[in-house]
Structures are given as C-alpha cells and as structure tokens.
C-alpha cells in the first residue's frame, strides 16, 4: 500500500464519523473563500489547535519552551473558558488538537476538556512526551476520556540517544506507559485512542531509524511517524540537523513549497493557553496576535474580525514580507518516506 493510500485510509477512518452537514458545509465555504482569497469570512474554523499550557518539565534544546527562549508568559488555560470555546467550535470543527509549546498532561483538567469535545463528536488529539503516562490510573483515564489519537514523541531507541534531545525523559518509563495504554485499550475493547509514535530525525539518532521501526512494531502502535527536524529559530540548528541531506527538511527558499499558498488562515485557528489566537501553531511567541477568544467575544468574533481579515489580505499579497511566514516550516515536508 502506498503512503498516499495509507494516509487517505487513515483520514477516512478518523474523520468519517465526524462528517455532519454543518461541518461539511462550513469546510466547503472555507475552501471556497481560500480559492477566492477572500479576507472576510462568515464561517468558523474547521480545525483548531488549543494549547493547554506552555509549561514543560523537559529541556529540549531546540524547543522555544525547553530552551527558555519563549518570552510570552507561562500558564495554564482557564478550564471554564476552554469549555465555552469548545462548545462554540464543536458544531463546525472536525478536529481539536490539544497541543502547543508545553506538556498537555501537566494541565489537571486536560482529559475533561478532551471528554467535552469528544462527546460533541469532534476528533480529538494530544501530543505528548509520554513522560506522564506513569500509572494505570493515568492510562485508564485517557482511554475513558474518548480521546481519538495520542501522539507520543520518542526521539531515541536508547536512553543515551533519547536524553541528548528529550532531556529529563526516561526511555523505559515512556515505553511502559505506551504498553500500558495499548493493553488497557485492548482489554476494554476500545479502538481509541489511536497511538502514533513520532520520531524526529536528528544527527544523533538518524542511525536508529531501523531500531525505532522495531520498537514501534514491538509496542504495537498504530502508526510510526518519522518527522524531519525544525529549529524554531534556535541559534545552533546544525548541531541537530541530520548528516544525510535526504533526511533534512529543506529551507523555504530552496523549496518549491514556498510558492504554495497557505490554507491555514482560512480553515484553522491556533489558540494559546491564555486565549490568544495566532495565525498558526508555528507562531510560538505570538508575533502576530489576532485577538483573544476568551476575552474578545469568542471564537466567531475573532475568526470573523478585522485583525484576521487584515492578516489574510497580507498573506495573500505579500507572504514573504511577513517574518513569521517568510521561512515557514509548516509548508515544507515534515514526514519522510524511509
């Protein structure tokens, strides 16, 4: 089966049950607006990333949070405000991803948020380091929450390799957490959450690709994602870039992808822990704030507001003039067929 067919099958399984007339019509209207490059929308976002927190216990050197380069305040999303946002988004959105520049499971109400969205028919996902999947109670709660997918970042097949980047992570603890989660799901005869193992390919671990394939197979995860490395503007990216050029992510200027138009502002919204909406999840320090969904009248008000409209006009006419978008890593190939 080709990678294209595999992806299509995965998306059909994941999104099929979420196809309601309102969501389909909303997505179609967003796509039409994108094709017309309309700046003012009368729709809602079809996909949302929502940051529970930007706190993290790991010290990953390229990550803005782990390296200490992030300048915006640190905190935890207000649970009541998140619930209101979920209720507003749910009739229109296919997916809410609880992810940002922190460890989502540090938020004590994360799974309550997930449950609220899942009960409203939204596909939900969480990206995690896996370091907090420590007890049977933890994994039981995850399975019971209705979470659709959990992505566990594991950038090493050995402890030595893992801790070179995921500093403070313990390999065996992460592996045991994944085993417990899969076993609990099997025992309870649940199909979710789907478990994706993500391996970011870097200089110190590129030789471990065959080993991580074996780890994924032995664990019984549903999917292995081999991801190219991004630096988020860190000062020493070459220390982590793979030696093999085929495993590197190209720069925007060197890639044909730079000529592609960005769909994100027309169909997706990224919300930081304090409610600030930004153009996409790569705006880690809120360089382009577009409003606050907790304070400025909600998601619809911000999405259909003047600041979002102005940004859509700017990215349509002068993407290279926007520092955030000039060297965008999002439009470049993230996954490698290896």
C-alpha atoms as a PDB file:
ATOM      1  CA  UNK A   1       0.000   0.000   0.000  1.00  0.00           C
ATOM      2  CA  UNK A   2       1.451   3.393  -0.987  1.00  0.00           C
ATOM      3  CA  UNK A   3       1.898   6.198   1.540  1.00  0.00           C
ATOM      4  CA  UNK A   4      -0.803   8.248  -0.238  1.00  0.00           C
ATOM      5  CA  UNK A   5      -3.313   5.419   0.051  1.00  0.00           C
ATOM      6  CA  UNK A   6      -2.326   4.827   3.678  1.00  0.00           C
ATOM      7  CA  UNK A   7      -2.917   8.475   4.531  1.00  0.00           C
ATOM      8  CA  UNK A   8      -6.259   8.512   2.713  1.00  0.00           C
ATOM      9  CA  UNK A   9      -7.390   5.391   4.570  1.00  0.00           C
ATOM     10  CA  UNK A  10      -6.310   6.855   7.903  1.00  0.00           C
ATOM     11  CA  UNK A  11      -8.158  10.122   7.292  1.00  0.00           C
ATOM     12  CA  UNK A  12     -11.294   8.316   6.186  1.00  0.00           C
ATOM     13  CA  UNK A  13     -11.300   6.213   9.361  1.00  0.00           C
ATOM     14  CA  UNK A  14     -10.571   9.224  11.547  1.00  0.00           C
ATOM     15  CA  UNK A  15     -12.856  11.831  10.012  1.00  0.00           C
ATOM     16  CA  UNK A  16     -15.624   9.702   8.531  1.00  0.00           C
ATOM     17  CA  UNK A  17     -17.831   9.682  11.656  1.00  0.00           C
ATOM     18  CA  UNK A  18     -17.379  13.473  12.010  1.00  0.00           C
ATOM     19  CA  UNK A  19     -18.973  14.298   8.668  1.00  0.00           C
ATOM     20  CA  UNK A  20     -22.106  16.250   9.558  1.00  0.00           C
ATOM     21  CA  UNK A  21     -23.851  18.582   7.091  1.00  0.00           C
ATOM     22  CA  UNK A  22     -22.891  21.656   9.112  1.00  0.00           C
ATOM     23  CA  UNK A  23     -19.202  20.702   9.308  1.00  0.00           C
ATOM     24  CA  UNK A  24     -19.027  19.781   5.639  1.00  0.00           C
ATOM     25  CA  UNK A  25     -20.715  22.998   4.522  1.00  0.00           C
ATOM     26  CA  UNK A  26     -18.505  25.067   6.820  1.00  0.00           C
ATOM     27  CA  UNK A  27     -15.331  23.428   5.449  1.00  0.00           C
ATOM     28  CA  UNK A  28     -16.545  23.857   1.865  1.00  0.00           C
ATOM     29  CA  UNK A  29     -17.217  27.545   2.500  1.00  0.00           C
ATOM     30  CA  UNK A  30     -13.726  27.946   3.981  1.00  0.00           C
ATOM     31  CA  UNK A  31     -12.139  26.285   0.957  1.00  0.00           C
ATOM     32  CA  UNK A  32     -14.142  28.468  -1.443  1.00  0.00           C
ATOM     33  CA  UNK A  33     -13.071  31.571   0.466  1.00  0.00           C
ATOM     34  CA  UNK A  34      -9.463  30.389   0.230  1.00  0.00           C
ATOM     35  CA  UNK A  35      -9.675  29.849  -3.524  1.00  0.00           C
ATOM     36  CA  UNK A  36     -11.127  33.339  -3.894  1.00  0.00           C
ATOM     37  CA  UNK A  37      -8.608  34.702  -1.361  1.00  0.00           C
ATOM     38  CA  UNK A  38     -11.461  36.393   0.463  1.00  0.00           C
ATOM     39  CA  UNK A  39     -10.313  38.148   3.619  1.00  0.00           C
ATOM     40  CA  UNK A  40     -13.652  38.416   5.420  1.00  0.00           C
ATOM     41  CA  UNK A  41     -15.222  35.092   6.378  1.00  0.00           C
ATOM     42  CA  UNK A  42     -18.688  34.283   7.677  1.00  0.00           C
ATOM     43  CA  UNK A  43     -17.709  30.775   8.734  1.00  0.00           C
ATOM     44  CA  UNK A  44     -15.926  29.111  11.658  1.00  0.00           C
ATOM     45  CA  UNK A  45     -12.558  27.310  11.799  1.00  0.00           C
ATOM     46  CA  UNK A  46     -12.726  23.678  10.719  1.00  0.00           C
ATOM     47  CA  UNK A  47      -9.593  22.649  12.631  1.00  0.00           C
ATOM     48  CA  UNK A  48      -8.309  24.046  15.927  1.00  0.00           C
ATOM     49  CA  UNK A  49      -5.133  23.645  17.941  1.00  0.00           C
ATOM     50  CA  UNK A  50      -5.617  24.540  21.589  1.00  0.00           C
ATOM     51  CA  UNK A  51      -2.680  24.893  23.954  1.00  0.00           C
ATOM     52  CA  UNK A  52      -3.493  23.650  27.483  1.00  0.00           C
ATOM     53  CA  UNK A  53      -0.220  25.036  28.865  1.00  0.00           C
ATOM     54  CA  UNK A  54       3.241  26.186  27.846  1.00  0.00           C
ATOM     55  CA  UNK A  55       4.889  24.643  30.910  1.00  0.00           C
ATOM     56  CA  UNK A  56       7.105  21.586  30.397  1.00  0.00           C
ATOM     57  CA  UNK A  57       9.474  19.533  32.547  1.00  0.00           C
ATOM     58  CA  UNK A  58      11.747  18.588  29.670  1.00  0.00           C
ATOM     59  CA  UNK A  59      14.563  20.766  28.375  1.00  0.00           C
ATOM     60  CA  UNK A  60      14.638  20.082  24.644  1.00  0.00           C
ATOM     61  CA  UNK A  61      17.309  22.437  23.245  1.00  0.00           C
ATOM     62  CA  UNK A  62      15.551  23.461  20.011  1.00  0.00           C
ATOM     63  CA  UNK A  63      12.126  23.925  21.596  1.00  0.00           C
ATOM     64  CA  UNK A  64      11.317  27.560  22.497  1.00  0.00           C
ATOM     65  CA  UNK A  65       9.950  26.422  25.866  1.00  0.00           C
ATOM     66  CA  UNK A  66      12.614  23.863  26.729  1.00  0.00           C
ATOM     67  CA  UNK A  67      15.452  26.196  25.755  1.00  0.00           C
ATOM     68  CA  UNK A  68      13.946  29.147  27.623  1.00  0.00           C
ATOM     69  CA  UNK A  69      13.708  31.341  24.517  1.00  0.00           C
ATOM     70  CA  UNK A  70       9.950  31.804  24.812  1.00  0.00           C
ATOM     71  CA  UNK A  71       9.124  35.308  26.072  1.00  0.00           C
ATOM     72  CA  UNK A  72       5.349  35.203  26.479  1.00  0.00           C
ATOM     73  CA  UNK A  73       4.002  34.461  29.971  1.00  0.00           C
ATOM     74  CA  UNK A  74       3.694  30.867  31.093  1.00  0.00           C
ATOM     75  CA  UNK A  75       0.479  29.500  32.473  1.00  0.00           C
ATOM     76  CA  UNK A  76      -2.433  27.097  32.241  1.00  0.00           C
ATOM     77  CA  UNK A  77      -5.591  27.601  30.217  1.00  0.00           C
ATOM     78  CA  UNK A  78      -8.703  28.513  32.191  1.00  0.00           C
ATOM     79  CA  UNK A  79     -10.851  25.376  32.083  1.00  0.00           C
ATOM     80  CA  UNK A  80     -14.184  27.206  32.034  1.00  0.00           C
ATOM     81  CA  UNK A  81     -13.049  29.435  29.171  1.00  0.00           C
ATOM     82  CA  UNK A  82     -11.824  26.398  27.232  1.00  0.00           C
ATOM     83  CA  UNK A  83     -15.172  24.670  27.738  1.00  0.00           C
ATOM     84  CA  UNK A  84     -17.007  27.687  26.332  1.00  0.00           C
ATOM     85  CA  UNK A  85     -14.682  27.755  23.328  1.00  0.00           C
ATOM     86  CA  UNK A  86     -15.193  24.016  22.736  1.00  0.00           C
ATOM     87  CA  UNK A  87     -18.969  24.429  22.868  1.00  0.00           C
ATOM     88  CA  UNK A  88     -18.759  27.218  20.293  1.00  0.00           C
ATOM     89  CA  UNK A  89     -16.346  25.380  17.994  1.00  0.00           C
ATOM     90  CA  UNK A  90     -17.738  21.835  18.171  1.00  0.00           C
ATOM     91  CA  UNK A  91     -20.680  22.130  15.744  1.00  0.00           C
ATOM     92  CA  UNK A  92     -18.310  23.288  12.990  1.00  0.00           C
ATOM     93  CA  UNK A  93     -14.887  21.746  13.693  1.00  0.00           C
ATOM     94  CA  UNK A  94     -13.705  18.313  12.607  1.00  0.00           C
ATOM     95  CA  UNK A  95     -10.726  18.254  14.938  1.00  0.00           C
ATOM     96  CA  UNK A  96      -9.397  19.891  18.101  1.00  0.00           C
ATOM     97  CA  UNK A  97      -5.731  19.180  18.813  1.00  0.00           C
ATOM     98  CA  UNK A  98      -4.682  19.796  22.412  1.00  0.00           C
ATOM     99  CA  UNK A  99      -1.105  20.736  21.728  1.00  0.00           C
ATOM    100  CA  UNK A 100       1.202  23.709  21.991  1.00  0.00           C
ATOM    101  CA  UNK A 101       4.554  24.637  23.455  1.00  0.00           C
ATOM    102  CA  UNK A 102       4.244  22.639  26.669  1.00  0.00           C
ATOM    103  CA  UNK A 103       3.296  19.229  28.039  1.00  0.00           C
ATOM    104  CA  UNK A 104      -0.524  18.966  27.810  1.00  0.00           C
ATOM    105  CA  UNK A 105      -0.788  16.380  30.603  1.00  0.00           C
ATOM    106  CA  UNK A 106       0.522  18.932  33.119  1.00  0.00           C
ATOM    107  CA  UNK A 107      -2.932  20.566  32.928  1.00  0.00           C
ATOM    108  CA  UNK A 108      -5.066  18.878  35.558  1.00  0.00           C
ATOM    109  CA  UNK A 109      -8.261  19.298  33.505  1.00  0.00           C
ATOM    110  CA  UNK A 110      -6.870  18.157  30.153  1.00  0.00           C
ATOM    111  CA  UNK A 111      -8.918  14.976  29.929  1.00  0.00           C
ATOM    112  CA  UNK A 112     -12.093  16.800  30.987  1.00  0.00           C
ATOM    113  CA  UNK A 113     -11.547  19.136  28.029  1.00  0.00           C
ATOM    114  CA  UNK A 114     -10.929  16.170  25.745  1.00  0.00           C
ATOM    115  CA  UNK A 115     -14.072  14.455  27.014  1.00  0.00           C
ATOM    116  CA  UNK A 116     -16.176  17.549  26.419  1.00  0.00           C
ATOM    117  CA  UNK A 117     -15.016  17.821  22.809  1.00  0.00           C
ATOM    118  CA  UNK A 118     -15.284  14.077  22.173  1.00  0.00           C
ATOM    119  CA  UNK A 119     -18.861  13.985  23.489  1.00  0.00           C
ATOM    120  CA  UNK A 120     -19.706  16.630  20.892  1.00  0.00           C
ATOM    121  CA  UNK A 121     -18.452  14.473  18.053  1.00  0.00           C
ATOM    122  CA  UNK A 122     -15.128  16.209  17.487  1.00  0.00           C
ATOM    123  CA  UNK A 123     -11.983  14.224  16.705  1.00  0.00           C
ATOM    124  CA  UNK A 124      -9.507  14.963  19.497  1.00  0.00           C
ATOM    125  CA  UNK A 125      -5.755  14.521  19.685  1.00  0.00           C
ATOM    126  CA  UNK A 126      -2.988  15.149  22.203  1.00  0.00           C
ATOM    127  CA  UNK A 127       0.748  15.413  21.523  1.00  0.00           C
ATOM    128  CA  UNK A 128       2.903  14.387  24.481  1.00  0.00           C
ATOM    129  CA  UNK A 129       6.399  13.390  25.511  1.00  0.00           C
ATOM    130  CA  UNK A 130       4.861  10.345  27.189  1.00  0.00           C
ATOM    131  CA  UNK A 131       6.687  11.098  30.433  1.00  0.00           C
ATOM    132  CA  UNK A 132       3.464  11.450  32.453  1.00  0.00           C
ATOM    133  CA  UNK A 133       1.873   8.141  31.430  1.00  0.00           C
ATOM    134  CA  UNK A 134       3.075   6.717  34.717  1.00  0.00           C
ATOM    135  CA  UNK A 135       0.228   4.900  36.446  1.00  0.00           C
ATOM    136  CA  UNK A 136      -2.558   2.540  35.468  1.00  0.00           C
ATOM    137  CA  UNK A 137      -4.996   5.195  36.637  1.00  0.00           C
ATOM    138  CA  UNK A 138      -3.441   7.644  34.156  1.00  0.00           C
ATOM    139  CA  UNK A 139      -3.925   5.368  31.163  1.00  0.00           C
ATOM    140  CA  UNK A 140      -7.408   4.280  32.287  1.00  0.00           C
ATOM    141  CA  UNK A 141      -8.461   7.937  32.374  1.00  0.00           C
ATOM    142  CA  UNK A 142      -7.072   8.524  28.880  1.00  0.00           C
ATOM    143  CA  UNK A 143      -8.997   5.598  27.416  1.00  0.00           C
ATOM    144  CA  UNK A 144     -12.207   6.638  29.205  1.00  0.00           C
ATOM    145  CA  UNK A 145     -11.927  10.272  28.055  1.00  0.00           C
ATOM    146  CA  UNK A 146     -12.839   9.439  24.467  1.00  0.00           C
ATOM    147  CA  UNK A 147      -9.518  10.767  23.120  1.00  0.00           C
ATOM    148  CA  UNK A 148      -9.228   9.913  19.421  1.00  0.00           C
ATOM    149  CA  UNK A 149      -5.447   9.976  18.983  1.00  0.00           C
ATOM    150  CA  UNK A 150      -2.368  10.337  21.136  1.00  0.00           C
ATOM    151  CA  UNK A 151       0.984  11.162  19.550  1.00  0.00           C
ATOM    152  CA  UNK A 152       3.993  10.246  21.678  1.00  0.00           C
ATOM    153  CA  UNK A 153       7.309  11.851  20.758  1.00  0.00           C
ATOM    154  CA  UNK A 154      10.143   9.367  21.225  1.00  0.00           C
ATOM    155  CA  UNK A 155      13.320  10.583  19.554  1.00  0.00           C
ATOM    156  CA  UNK A 156      15.604   7.742  20.564  1.00  0.00           C
ATOM    157  CA  UNK A 157      15.654   3.965  20.621  1.00  0.00           C
ATOM    158  CA  UNK A 158      18.117   4.023  23.533  1.00  0.00           C
ATOM    159  CA  UNK A 159      18.285   6.102  26.712  1.00  0.00           C
ATOM    160  CA  UNK A 160      21.568   7.644  25.589  1.00  0.00           C
ATOM    161  CA  UNK A 161      20.065   8.825  22.326  1.00  0.00           C
ATOM    162  CA  UNK A 162      16.748   9.977  23.819  1.00  0.00           C
ATOM    163  CA  UNK A 163      18.268  12.162  26.523  1.00  0.00           C
ATOM    164  CA  UNK A 164      20.504  14.001  24.063  1.00  0.00           C
ATOM    165  CA  UNK A 165      17.388  15.897  22.984  1.00  0.00           C
ATOM    166  CA  UNK A 166      14.469  14.958  25.311  1.00  0.00           C
ATOM    167  CA  UNK A 167      16.446  15.980  28.356  1.00  0.00           C
ATOM    168  CA  UNK A 168      14.942  14.632  31.624  1.00  0.00           C
ATOM    169  CA  UNK A 169      12.979  11.912  29.776  1.00  0.00           C
ATOM    170  CA  UNK A 170      13.421   8.249  30.806  1.00  0.00           C
ATOM    171  CA  UNK A 171      13.051   5.804  27.916  1.00  0.00           C
ATOM    172  CA  UNK A 172      11.756   2.810  29.874  1.00  0.00           C
ATOM    173  CA  UNK A 173       9.105   4.926  31.624  1.00  0.00           C
ATOM    174  CA  UNK A 174       7.794   6.179  28.279  1.00  0.00           C
ATOM    175  CA  UNK A 175       7.802   2.693  26.754  1.00  0.00           C
ATOM    176  CA  UNK A 176       5.974   1.247  29.756  1.00  0.00           C
ATOM    177  CA  UNK A 177       3.373   3.985  29.546  1.00  0.00           C
ATOM    178  CA  UNK A 178       2.727   3.198  25.885  1.00  0.00           C
ATOM    179  CA  UNK A 179       2.497  -0.541  26.623  1.00  0.00           C
ATOM    180  CA  UNK A 180       0.008   0.099  29.422  1.00  0.00           C
ATOM    181  CA  UNK A 181      -2.108   2.358  27.241  1.00  0.00           C
ATOM    182  CA  UNK A 182      -2.299  -0.155  24.394  1.00  0.00           C
ATOM    183  CA  UNK A 183      -3.015  -3.025  26.767  1.00  0.00           C
ATOM    184  CA  UNK A 184      -5.765  -1.050  28.530  1.00  0.00           C
ATOM    185  CA  UNK A 185      -7.340  -0.164  25.216  1.00  0.00           C
ATOM    186  CA  UNK A 186      -7.245  -3.826  24.171  1.00  0.00           C
ATOM    187  CA  UNK A 187      -8.644  -5.064  27.459  1.00  0.00           C
ATOM    188  CA  UNK A 188     -11.530  -2.605  27.296  1.00  0.00           C
ATOM    189  CA  UNK A 189     -12.148  -3.463  23.659  1.00  0.00           C
ATOM    190  CA  UNK A 190     -11.766   0.126  22.507  1.00  0.00           C
ATOM    191  CA  UNK A 191     -10.440   1.315  19.168  1.00  0.00           C
ATOM    192  CA  UNK A 192      -9.280   4.627  20.564  1.00  0.00           C
ATOM    193  CA  UNK A 193      -7.124   6.369  21.264  1.00  0.00           C
ATOM    194  CA  UNK A 194      -5.076   5.565  18.194  1.00  0.00           C
ATOM    195  CA  UNK A 195      -1.408   5.591  19.229  1.00  0.00           C
ATOM    196  CA  UNK A 196       1.145   7.297  16.986  1.00  0.00           C
ATOM    197  CA  UNK A 197       4.850   7.088  17.777  1.00  0.00           C
ATOM    198  CA  UNK A 198       6.748  10.105  16.455  1.00  0.00           C
ATOM    199  CA  UNK A 199      10.483  10.027  15.845  1.00  0.00           C
ATOM    200  CA  UNK A 200      12.131  13.345  14.960  1.00  0.00           C
ATOM    201  CA  UNK A 201      15.166  12.527  12.832  1.00  0.00           C
ATOM    202  CA  UNK A 202      18.323  14.326  14.004  1.00  0.00           C
ATOM    203  CA  UNK A 203      22.079  13.944  13.651  1.00  0.00           C
ATOM    204  CA  UNK A 204      22.499  11.875  16.803  1.00  0.00           C
ATOM    205  CA  UNK A 205      19.625   9.453  16.091  1.00  0.00           C
ATOM    206  CA  UNK A 206      19.433   9.093  12.296  1.00  0.00           C
ATOM    207  CA  UNK A 207      21.222   5.743  12.532  1.00  0.00           C
ATOM    208  CA  UNK A 208      18.408   4.469  14.792  1.00  0.00           C
ATOM    209  CA  UNK A 209      15.634   4.543  12.185  1.00  0.00           C
ATOM    210  CA  UNK A 210      15.673   0.724  11.768  1.00  0.00           C
ATOM    211  CA  UNK A 211      15.717   0.342  15.561  1.00  0.00           C
ATOM    212  CA  UNK A 212      12.763   2.665  16.105  1.00  0.00           C
ATOM    213  CA  UNK A 213      10.826   0.700  13.494  1.00  0.00           C
ATOM    214  CA  UNK A 214      11.400  -2.412  15.601  1.00  0.00           C
ATOM    215  CA  UNK A 215      10.377  -0.561  18.762  1.00  0.00           C
ATOM    216  CA  UNK A 216       7.149   0.585  17.123  1.00  0.00           C
ATOM    217  CA  UNK A 217       6.397  -2.935  15.899  1.00  0.00           C
ATOM    218  CA  UNK A 218       7.117  -4.491  19.302  1.00  0.00           C
ATOM    219  CA  UNK A 219       4.942  -1.935  21.096  1.00  0.00           C
ATOM    220  CA  UNK A 220       2.079  -2.474  18.679  1.00  0.00           C
ATOM    221  CA  UNK A 221       1.448   1.220  17.968  1.00  0.00           C
ATOM    222  CA  UNK A 222      -0.975   2.114  15.205  1.00  0.00           C
ATOM    223  CA  UNK A 223       1.369   4.401  13.342  1.00  0.00           C
ATOM    224  CA  UNK A 224       5.039   5.418  13.237  1.00  0.00           C
ATOM    225  CA  UNK A 225       5.754   8.946  12.083  1.00  0.00           C
ATOM    226  CA  UNK A 226       9.283   9.839  11.015  1.00  0.00           C
ATOM    227  CA  UNK A 227       9.476  13.608  11.159  1.00  0.00           C
ATOM    228  CA  UNK A 228      12.096  15.998   9.850  1.00  0.00           C
ATOM    229  CA  UNK A 229      13.622  18.387  12.370  1.00  0.00           C
ATOM    230  CA  UNK A 230      12.702  22.062  12.690  1.00  0.00           C
ATOM    231  CA  UNK A 231      14.703  24.535  14.768  1.00  0.00           C
ATOM    232  CA  UNK A 232      12.127  27.266  15.590  1.00  0.00           C
ATOM    233  CA  UNK A 233      14.897  29.796  15.013  1.00  0.00           C
ATOM    234  CA  UNK A 234      17.333  28.261  17.529  1.00  0.00           C
ATOM    235  CA  UNK A 235      20.921  29.552  17.241  1.00  0.00           C
ATOM    236  CA  UNK A 236      22.573  26.140  16.724  1.00  0.00           C
ATOM    237  CA  UNK A 237      20.318  24.061  14.426  1.00  0.00           C
ATOM    238  CA  UNK A 238      23.272  22.490  12.609  1.00  0.00           C
ATOM    239  CA  UNK A 239      24.174  20.631  15.785  1.00  0.00           C
ATOM    240  CA  UNK A 240      20.980  18.620  15.346  1.00  0.00           C
ATOM    241  CA  UNK A 241      20.424  18.530  11.582  1.00  0.00           C
ATOM    242  CA  UNK A 242      20.945  15.016  10.164  1.00  0.00           C
ATOM    243  CA  UNK A 243      24.189  14.343   8.304  1.00  0.00           C
ATOM    244  CA  UNK A 244      22.251  12.730   5.462  1.00  0.00           C
ATOM    245  CA  UNK A 245      20.802  15.555   3.298  1.00  0.00           C
ATOM    246  CA  UNK A 246      17.904  13.292   2.329  1.00  0.00           C
ATOM    247  CA  UNK A 247      16.742  13.342   5.958  1.00  0.00           C
ATOM    248  CA  UNK A 248      16.770  17.118   6.293  1.00  0.00           C
ATOM    249  CA  UNK A 249      13.861  19.463   5.851  1.00  0.00           C
ATOM    250  CA  UNK A 250      14.657  21.927   3.043  1.00  0.00           C
ATOM    251  CA  UNK A 251      14.621  25.653   3.712  1.00  0.00           C
ATOM    252  CA  UNK A 252      11.640  27.584   2.392  1.00  0.00           C
ATOM    253  CA  UNK A 253      13.641  29.480  -0.199  1.00  0.00           C
ATOM    254  CA  UNK A 254      15.119  26.258  -1.569  1.00  0.00           C
ATOM    255  CA  UNK A 255      11.785  24.523  -1.747  1.00  0.00           C
ATOM    256  CA  UNK A 256       9.051  24.676  -4.347  1.00  0.00           C
ATOM    257  CA  UNK A 257       6.682  24.656  -1.362  1.00  0.00           C
ATOM    258  CA  UNK A 258       7.343  28.372  -0.806  1.00  0.00           C
ATOM    259  CA  UNK A 259       5.218  29.166  -3.844  1.00  0.00           C
ATOM    260  CA  UNK A 260       2.259  27.290  -2.347  1.00  0.00           C
ATOM    261  CA  UNK A 261      -0.457  29.407  -0.826  1.00  0.00           C
ATOM    262  CA  UNK A 262      -1.080  28.858   2.880  1.00  0.00           C
ATOM    263  CA  UNK A 263      -4.515  27.466   3.669  1.00  0.00           C
ATOM    264  CA  UNK A 264      -4.233  27.754   7.441  1.00  0.00           C
ATOM    265  CA  UNK A 265      -5.773  31.238   7.993  1.00  0.00           C
ATOM    266  CA  UNK A 266      -8.843  30.161   6.008  1.00  0.00           C
ATOM    267  CA  UNK A 267      -9.661  26.927   7.779  1.00  0.00           C
ATOM    268  CA  UNK A 268      -7.727  26.566  11.042  1.00  0.00           C
ATOM    269  CA  UNK A 269      -7.126  28.505  14.236  1.00  0.00           C
ATOM    270  CA  UNK A 270      -4.362  28.185  16.827  1.00  0.00           C
ATOM    271  CA  UNK A 271      -5.280  29.243  20.362  1.00  0.00           C
ATOM    272  CA  UNK A 272      -2.638  29.730  23.054  1.00  0.00           C
ATOM    273  CA  UNK A 273      -3.247  28.927  26.730  1.00  0.00           C
ATOM    274  CA  UNK A 274      -4.393  32.481  27.535  1.00  0.00           C
ATOM    275  CA  UNK A 275      -6.903  32.580  24.666  1.00  0.00           C
ATOM    276  CA  UNK A 276      -4.723  34.479  22.197  1.00  0.00           C
ATOM    277  CA  UNK A 277      -5.406  33.424  18.619  1.00  0.00           C
ATOM    278  CA  UNK A 278      -2.389  33.342  16.298  1.00  0.00           C
ATOM    279  CA  UNK A 279      -2.125  32.586  12.557  1.00  0.00           C
ATOM    280  CA  UNK A 280      -0.768  29.087  13.075  1.00  0.00           C
ATOM    281  CA  UNK A 281       0.916  26.794  15.574  1.00  0.00           C
ATOM    282  CA  UNK A 282       4.374  27.940  14.429  1.00  0.00           C
ATOM    283  CA  UNK A 283       3.824  31.396  15.987  1.00  0.00           C
ATOM    284  CA  UNK A 284       5.304  30.248  19.290  1.00  0.00           C
ATOM    285  CA  UNK A 285       5.859  33.721  20.758  1.00  0.00           C
ATOM    286  CA  UNK A 286       2.674  35.404  19.498  1.00  0.00           C
ATOM    287  CA  UNK A 287       4.386  37.646  16.957  1.00  0.00           C
ATOM    288  CA  UNK A 288       1.037  38.107  15.162  1.00  0.00           C
ATOM    289  CA  UNK A 289      -1.791  38.135  17.754  1.00  0.00           C
ATOM    290  CA  UNK A 290      -5.183  38.156  16.059  1.00  0.00           C
ATOM    291  CA  UNK A 291      -7.434  38.582  19.085  1.00  0.00           C
ATOM    292  CA  UNK A 292      -8.352  36.712  22.252  1.00  0.00           C
ATOM    293  CA  UNK A 293     -11.147  34.141  22.092  1.00  0.00           C
ATOM    294  CA  UNK A 294     -11.547  34.187  25.899  1.00  0.00           C
ATOM    295  CA  UNK A 295     -11.894  37.985  26.105  1.00  0.00           C
ATOM    296  CA  UNK A 296     -12.951  39.385  22.717  1.00  0.00           C
ATOM    297  CA  UNK A 297     -16.381  37.856  22.268  1.00  0.00           C
ATOM    298  CA  UNK A 298     -15.431  34.269  21.496  1.00  0.00           C
ATOM    299  CA  UNK A 299     -14.085  32.266  18.576  1.00  0.00           C
ATOM    300  CA  UNK A 300     -16.561  33.570  15.981  1.00  0.00           C
ATOM    301  CA  UNK A 301     -15.865  37.197  16.831  1.00  0.00           C
ATOM    302  CA  UNK A 302     -12.097  36.743  16.449  1.00  0.00           C
ATOM    303  CA  UNK A 303     -12.269  34.489  13.356  1.00  0.00           C
ATOM    304  CA  UNK A 304     -14.555  36.905  11.524  1.00  0.00           C
ATOM    305  CA  UNK A 305     -12.877  40.017  12.917  1.00  0.00           C
ATOM    306  CA  UNK A 306     -10.791  42.724  11.337  1.00  0.00           C
ATOM    307  CA  UNK A 307      -7.387  41.520  12.539  1.00  0.00           C
ATOM    308  CA  UNK A 308      -7.894  38.085  10.964  1.00  0.00           C
ATOM    309  CA  UNK A 309      -9.165  39.714   7.763  1.00  0.00           C
ATOM    310  CA  UNK A 310      -6.139  42.009   7.631  1.00  0.00           C
ATOM    311  CA  UNK A 311      -3.759  39.073   8.084  1.00  0.00           C
ATOM    312  CA  UNK A 312      -5.464  37.113   5.277  1.00  0.00           C
ATOM    313  CA  UNK A 313      -5.031  40.130   2.993  1.00  0.00           C
ATOM    314  CA  UNK A 314      -1.347  40.413   3.917  1.00  0.00           C
ATOM    315  CA  UNK A 315      -0.522  36.749   3.402  1.00  0.00           C
ATOM    316  CA  UNK A 316      -2.378  36.773   0.071  1.00  0.00           C
ATOM    317  CA  UNK A 317      -0.359  39.662  -1.319  1.00  0.00           C
ATOM    318  CA  UNK A 318       2.999  39.665   0.484  1.00  0.00           C
ATOM    319  CA  UNK A 319       3.731  36.415   2.294  1.00  0.00           C
ATOM    320  CA  UNK A 320       7.492  36.983   2.040  1.00  0.00           C
ATOM    321  CA  UNK A 321       7.024  40.297   3.844  1.00  0.00           C
ATOM    322  CA  UNK A 322       5.680  38.622   6.980  1.00  0.00           C
ATOM    323  CA  UNK A 323       8.597  37.442   9.172  1.00  0.00           C
ATOM    324  CA  UNK A 324       6.533  34.588  10.620  1.00  0.00           C
ATOM    325  CA  UNK A 325       5.721  33.284   7.147  1.00  0.00           C
ATOM    326  CA  UNK A 326       8.955  34.117   5.324  1.00  0.00           C
ATOM    327  CA  UNK A 327      10.722  30.887   6.260  1.00  0.00           C
ATOM    328  CA  UNK A 328       7.705  28.831   7.190  1.00  0.00           C
ATOM    329  CA  UNK A 329       8.495  25.249   8.244  1.00  0.00           C
ATOM    330  CA  UNK A 330       4.842  24.217   8.083  1.00  0.00           C
ATOM    331  CA  UNK A 331       4.572  24.217   4.278  1.00  0.00           C
ATOM    332  CA  UNK A 332       7.706  22.094   3.995  1.00  0.00           C
ATOM    333  CA  UNK A 333       7.812  18.293   4.082  1.00  0.00           C
ATOM    334  CA  UNK A 334       7.524  17.130   7.700  1.00  0.00           C
ATOM    335  CA  UNK A 335       7.410  13.398   7.098  1.00  0.00           C
ATOM    336  CA  UNK A 336       9.882  11.264   5.220  1.00  0.00           C
ATOM    337  CA  UNK A 337       9.182   8.044   3.375  1.00  0.00           C
ATOM    338  CA  UNK A 338      12.033   5.994   4.739  1.00  0.00           C
END
